[in-house]
Amino acid sequence: MPKYLTIGYGDEIGYDRTAPALRDAAHAHDQQLRDRGAIMGIAGSPVQVRNHDGVKVEISKGSFLTAALPLAGFALIEAESLEEAIDIVSKAPCAVAQGVVEVWPLEQAQ
């Protein structure tokens, strides 16, 4: 079955202004996905790793990408199609609590 990496963005302000019942339903939905095998995690503090020309590893604290909302977490889900993946994440906490979720189809590496 195809796999999709999802990236959720959201902040506490948007989360807090979302109805508690809707947030609870979104968290229950996430639990159902975990029960079906989805891998989910909350984003911690990132580091950047460089090894240009394979001669020296350099590490910098902080993210490389920037976004309008803070990065909240990731999930690896399975879905029959992109449309099904979109339907799945449309019920996620970040999607319903004033945030956004990106869906990245994962292609098989050669």
Protein backbone atom coordinates (compact mmCIF):
# COMPACT_ATOMS: atom_id res chain seq x y z
CA MET A 1 0.00 0.00 0.00
CA PRO A 2 1.34 3.48 -0.79
CA LYS A 3 2.87 5.45 2.08
CA TYR A 4 2.56 9.17 2.78
CA LEU A 5 4.59 11.42 5.03
CA THR A 6 2.40 14.02 6.68
CA ILE A 7 3.73 17.16 8.30
CA GLY A 8 1.49 19.09 10.67
CA TYR A 9 1.87 22.77 11.47
CA GLY A 10 -0.06 24.62 14.15
CA ASP A 11 0.20 26.81 17.19
CA GLU A 12 -1.29 26.86 20.64
CA ILE A 13 -3.45 29.91 19.88
CA GLY A 14 -5.27 28.15 17.04
CA TYR A 15 -5.52 24.94 19.05
CA ASP A 16 -6.99 26.72 22.08
CA ARG A 17 -9.67 28.49 20.04
CA THR A 18 -10.91 25.22 18.53
CA ALA A 19 -13.88 23.60 20.27
CA PRO A 20 -12.70 20.99 22.78
CA ALA A 21 -15.06 18.34 21.37
CA LEU A 22 -13.56 18.81 17.90
CA ARG A 23 -10.02 18.59 19.29
CA ASP A 24 -10.93 15.44 21.23
CA ALA A 25 -12.37 13.85 18.08
CA ALA A 26 -9.20 14.73 16.16
CA HIS A 27 -6.99 13.15 18.83
CA ALA A 28 -9.22 10.04 18.86
CA HIS A 29 -8.82 9.88 15.07
CA ASP A 30 -5.03 10.01 15.47
CA GLN A 31 -5.21 7.18 18.00
CA GLN A 32 -7.19 5.09 15.52
CA LEU A 33 -4.48 5.71 12.91
CA ARG A 34 -1.76 4.64 15.39
CA ASP A 35 -3.78 1.53 16.21
CA ARG A 36 -3.78 0.74 12.45
CA GLY A 37 0.01 1.11 12.29
CA ALA A 38 0.62 4.78 11.51
CA ILE A 39 3.86 6.11 12.95
CA MET A 40 3.39 9.53 14.57
CA GLY A 41 5.55 11.88 16.55
CA ILE A 42 5.70 15.38 17.91
CA ALA A 43 8.47 17.49 16.41
CA GLY A 44 11.41 18.07 18.73
CA SER A 45 14.32 20.49 18.29
CA PRO A 46 16.01 19.86 14.94
CA VAL A 47 19.63 19.94 13.89
CA GLN A 48 21.00 20.50 10.40
CA VAL A 49 23.70 18.14 9.14
CA ARG A 50 26.07 18.96 6.30
CA ASN A 51 28.93 16.94 4.90
CA HIS A 52 29.81 18.82 1.73
CA ASP A 53 32.03 16.78 -0.55
CA GLY A 54 32.12 14.11 2.17
CA VAL A 55 35.05 15.73 3.97
CA LYS A 56 33.68 17.42 7.11
CA VAL A 57 30.47 16.91 9.06
CA GLU A 58 29.00 20.20 10.24
CA ILE A 59 26.05 20.38 12.61
CA SER A 60 23.92 23.47 13.28
CA LYS A 61 21.05 23.75 15.74
CA GLY A 62 17.72 24.84 14.35
CA SER A 63 15.58 24.13 11.32
CA PHE A 64 16.53 24.83 7.73
CA LEU A 65 12.97 25.45 6.54
CA THR A 66 10.69 28.16 7.87
CA ALA A 67 6.90 28.26 7.90
CA ALA A 68 4.14 30.64 8.93
CA LEU A 69 3.13 28.22 11.71
CA PRO A 70 5.41 26.17 13.96
CA LEU A 71 6.08 22.59 13.02
CA ALA A 72 3.96 20.40 15.29
CA GLY A 73 4.61 16.82 14.21
CA PHE A 74 4.92 14.12 11.62
CA ALA A 75 3.14 10.93 10.67
CA LEU A 76 3.81 8.12 8.26
CA ILE A 77 0.49 6.73 7.04
CA GLU A 78 -0.70 4.24 4.47
CA ALA A 79 -3.54 4.99 2.09
CA GLU A 80 -4.82 3.54 -1.18
CA SER A 81 -4.52 6.92 -2.93
CA LEU A 82 -3.58 10.56 -2.42
CA GLU A 83 -7.29 11.33 -2.15
CA GLU A 84 -7.65 8.85 0.72
CA ALA A 85 -4.54 10.28 2.44
CA ILE A 86 -6.05 13.76 2.17
CA ASP A 87 -9.31 12.51 3.69
CA ILE A 88 -7.38 10.89 6.54
CA VAL A 89 -5.36 14.00 7.43
CA SER A 90 -8.36 16.30 7.09
CA LYS A 91 -9.46 14.98 10.49
CA ALA A 92 -6.05 15.43 12.19
CA PRO A 93 -5.60 17.89 15.07
CA CYS A 94 -3.50 20.34 13.05
CA ALA A 95 -6.02 20.37 10.19
CA VAL A 96 -9.05 21.02 12.41
CA ALA A 97 -7.37 23.31 14.96
CA GLN A 98 -6.51 26.24 12.67
CA GLY A 99 -3.28 24.70 11.36
CA VAL A 100 -2.33 22.86 8.19
CA VAL A 101 -1.11 19.39 7.24
CA GLU A 102 1.09 18.69 4.23
CA VAL A 103 0.83 15.30 2.54
CA TRP A 104 3.97 14.02 0.81
CA PRO A 105 3.63 10.85 -1.30
CA LEU A 106 6.68 8.65 -0.70
CA GLU A 107 8.18 7.23 -3.87
CA GLN A 108 10.16 4.00 -3.77
CA ALA A 109 13.90 4.79 -3.68
CA GLN A 110 15.96 3.01 -6.33
